[in-house]
Every structure is written in structure tokens, then in C-alpha cells.
Amino acid sequence: MKESDYAHEYVLIWPDNELAYAVFSRLSTQWRVGAGGPTGLDYTAVLAYMRTLRLPREQADELFSDIQTMEAEALAVMAEGADKAK
């Protein structure tokens, strides 16, 4: 994906989602890629980064769940883009 693919879109991040979005964005270089394309985030890297945030356990669990939700949607969008490219 290139910035120009979504430069025309405006997205508002709700305050409750700002941390999850910031962490997900920060992890943009931590995708595992196989022969068929992206397979998901490297959870070792995700959890290592999250430890640096020193969040209470409940908040960390919620953040990890939010990141997994964004990961699943990102994978779906990337797969859709790959299908269109064929």
C-alpha cells in the first residue's frame, strides 16, 4: 500500500482508540510475511513494545485485543488489494 492509496480519506480517531492506533502505527514494520503475503504481526515484537508502555495488566490486555482487531482488518484489506491486483 502507498500513501496515495488512502490520501484522499479522512479518518477521525476516537479518544478511546488513540493509544491502540498509535501503537499499531508504531508497529508498522513488524509484519510477518510469507510466500502468500502478510500473515500477521510479530507478536513477540508487539508484546515487547507494549511492555515498554508499563500499562496495568487489564489495560494491556485490552490494548492487545484492540491491536489484534486492527491486525485482522488490515489483513483483510491487504488481501482484498492483492485480489484486485490479480
C-alpha atoms as a PDB file:
ATOM      1  CA  MET A   1       0.000   0.000   0.000  1.00  0.00           C
ATOM      2  CA  LYS A   2       1.110   3.514  -0.722  1.00  0.00           C
ATOM      3  CA  GLU A   3       0.110   6.731   0.996  1.00  0.00           C
ATOM      4  CA  SER A   4      -1.589   7.823  -2.214  1.00  0.00           C
ATOM      5  CA  ASP A   5      -3.959   4.831  -1.874  1.00  0.00           C
ATOM      6  CA  TYR A   6      -5.640   6.469   1.086  1.00  0.00           C
ATOM      7  CA  ALA A   7      -4.504  10.112   0.997  1.00  0.00           C
ATOM      8  CA  HIS A   8      -7.986  11.237  -0.064  1.00  0.00           C
ATOM      9  CA  GLU A   9      -9.596   9.727   3.031  1.00  0.00           C
ATOM     10  CA  TYR A  10     -10.021  11.492   6.343  1.00  0.00           C
ATOM     11  CA  VAL A  11     -10.218   9.332   9.432  1.00  0.00           C
ATOM     12  CA  LEU A  12     -11.159  10.545  12.886  1.00  0.00           C
ATOM     13  CA  ILE A  13      -9.660   8.542  15.746  1.00  0.00           C
ATOM     14  CA  TRP A  14     -11.887   8.438  18.802  1.00  0.00           C
ATOM     15  CA  PRO A  15     -10.049   9.305  22.040  1.00  0.00           C
ATOM     16  CA  ASP A  16     -10.669   5.782  23.407  1.00  0.00           C
ATOM     17  CA  ASN A  17      -8.779   4.365  20.403  1.00  0.00           C
ATOM     18  CA  GLU A  18      -5.847   6.782  20.248  1.00  0.00           C
ATOM     19  CA  LEU A  19      -3.395   4.566  22.140  1.00  0.00           C
ATOM     20  CA  ALA A  20      -4.288   1.452  20.130  1.00  0.00           C
ATOM     21  CA  TYR A  21      -3.923   3.374  16.875  1.00  0.00           C
ATOM     22  CA  ALA A  22      -0.607   4.888  17.956  1.00  0.00           C
ATOM     23  CA  VAL A  23       0.820   1.503  18.966  1.00  0.00           C
ATOM     24  CA  PHE A  24      -0.494  -0.216  15.823  1.00  0.00           C
ATOM     25  CA  SER A  25       1.067   2.510  13.676  1.00  0.00           C
ATOM     26  CA  ARG A  26       4.345   2.256  15.576  1.00  0.00           C
ATOM     27  CA  LEU A  27       4.456  -1.473  14.786  1.00  0.00           C
ATOM     28  CA  SER A  28       4.112  -0.963  11.038  1.00  0.00           C
ATOM     29  CA  THR A  29       7.495  -2.613  10.416  1.00  0.00           C
ATOM     30  CA  GLN A  30       6.635  -5.719  12.447  1.00  0.00           C
ATOM     31  CA  TRP A  31       4.548  -7.637   9.900  1.00  0.00           C
ATOM     32  CA  ARG A  32       5.378 -11.273   9.249  1.00  0.00           C
ATOM     33  CA  VAL A  33       5.305 -12.048   5.554  1.00  0.00           C
ATOM     34  CA  GLY A  34       5.119 -15.450   3.905  1.00  0.00           C
ATOM     35  CA  ALA A  35       5.102 -16.587   0.295  1.00  0.00           C
ATOM     36  CA  GLY A  36       1.447 -15.532   0.004  1.00  0.00           C
ATOM     37  CA  GLY A  37       1.947 -12.099   1.555  1.00  0.00           C
ATOM     38  CA  PRO A  38       1.419 -10.710   5.067  1.00  0.00           C
ATOM     39  CA  THR A  39       0.368 -13.274   7.666  1.00  0.00           C
ATOM     40  CA  GLY A  40       0.088 -11.067  10.743  1.00  0.00           C
ATOM     41  CA  LEU A  41       2.060  -9.043  13.215  1.00  0.00           C
ATOM     42  CA  ASP A  42       5.088 -10.450  15.003  1.00  0.00           C
ATOM     43  CA  TYR A  43       3.560 -10.840  18.460  1.00  0.00           C
ATOM     44  CA  THR A  44       6.985 -11.080  20.093  1.00  0.00           C
ATOM     45  CA  ALA A  45       7.705  -7.554  18.882  1.00  0.00           C
ATOM     46  CA  VAL A  46       4.192  -6.354  19.734  1.00  0.00           C
ATOM     47  CA  LEU A  47       4.400  -7.616  23.307  1.00  0.00           C
ATOM     48  CA  ALA A  48       7.971  -6.352  23.753  1.00  0.00           C
ATOM     49  CA  TYR A  49       6.901  -2.872  22.697  1.00  0.00           C
ATOM     50  CA  MET A  50       3.806  -2.999  24.878  1.00  0.00           C
ATOM     51  CA  ARG A  51       5.966  -3.841  27.918  1.00  0.00           C
ATOM     52  CA  THR A  52       7.772  -0.527  27.429  1.00  0.00           C
ATOM     53  CA  LEU A  53       4.450   1.238  27.986  1.00  0.00           C
ATOM     54  CA  ARG A  54       4.177  -0.211  31.509  1.00  0.00           C
ATOM     55  CA  LEU A  55       0.407  -0.379  31.407  1.00  0.00           C
ATOM     56  CA  PRO A  56      -1.699  -2.039  34.089  1.00  0.00           C
ATOM     57  CA  ARG A  57      -2.481  -5.660  33.106  1.00  0.00           C
ATOM     58  CA  GLU A  58      -6.144  -5.011  32.311  1.00  0.00           C
ATOM     59  CA  GLN A  59      -5.314  -2.050  30.068  1.00  0.00           C
ATOM     60  CA  ALA A  60      -2.530  -4.021  28.345  1.00  0.00           C
ATOM     61  CA  ASP A  61      -4.904  -6.920  27.665  1.00  0.00           C
ATOM     62  CA  GLU A  62      -7.470  -4.538  26.179  1.00  0.00           C
ATOM     63  CA  LEU A  63      -4.804  -2.824  24.070  1.00  0.00           C
ATOM     64  CA  PHE A  64      -3.557  -6.176  22.727  1.00  0.00           C
ATOM     65  CA  SER A  65      -7.118  -7.143  21.812  1.00  0.00           C
ATOM     66  CA  ASP A  66      -7.595  -3.814  20.014  1.00  0.00           C
ATOM     67  CA  ILE A  67      -4.351  -4.339  18.089  1.00  0.00           C
ATOM     68  CA  GLN A  68      -5.496  -7.822  17.066  1.00  0.00           C
ATOM     69  CA  THR A  69      -8.754  -6.337  15.786  1.00  0.00           C
ATOM     70  CA  MET A  70      -6.857  -3.803  13.672  1.00  0.00           C
ATOM     71  CA  GLU A  71      -4.478  -6.531  12.510  1.00  0.00           C
ATOM     72  CA  ALA A  72      -7.379  -8.688  11.292  1.00  0.00           C
ATOM     73  CA  GLU A  73      -8.926  -5.786   9.396  1.00  0.00           C
ATOM     74  CA  ALA A  74      -5.572  -4.781   7.905  1.00  0.00           C
ATOM     75  CA  LEU A  75      -5.022  -8.350   6.697  1.00  0.00           C
ATOM     76  CA  ALA A  76      -8.485  -8.355   5.101  1.00  0.00           C
ATOM     77  CA  VAL A  77      -7.803  -5.052   3.332  1.00  0.00           C
ATOM     78  CA  MET A  78      -4.376  -6.235   2.142  1.00  0.00           C
ATOM     79  CA  ALA A  79      -5.885  -9.495   0.849  1.00  0.00           C
ATOM     80  CA  GLU A  80      -8.567  -7.530  -0.976  1.00  0.00           C
ATOM     81  CA  GLY A  81      -5.871  -5.381  -2.584  1.00  0.00           C
ATOM     82  CA  ALA A  82      -3.928  -8.466  -3.622  1.00  0.00           C
ATOM     83  CA  ASP A  83      -7.057  -9.968  -5.197  1.00  0.00           C
ATOM     84  CA  LYS A  84      -7.658  -6.788  -7.206  1.00  0.00           C
ATOM     85  CA  ALA A  85      -4.050  -6.834  -8.422  1.00  0.00           C
ATOM     86  CA  LYS A  86      -4.507 -10.285  -9.967  1.00  0.00           C
END
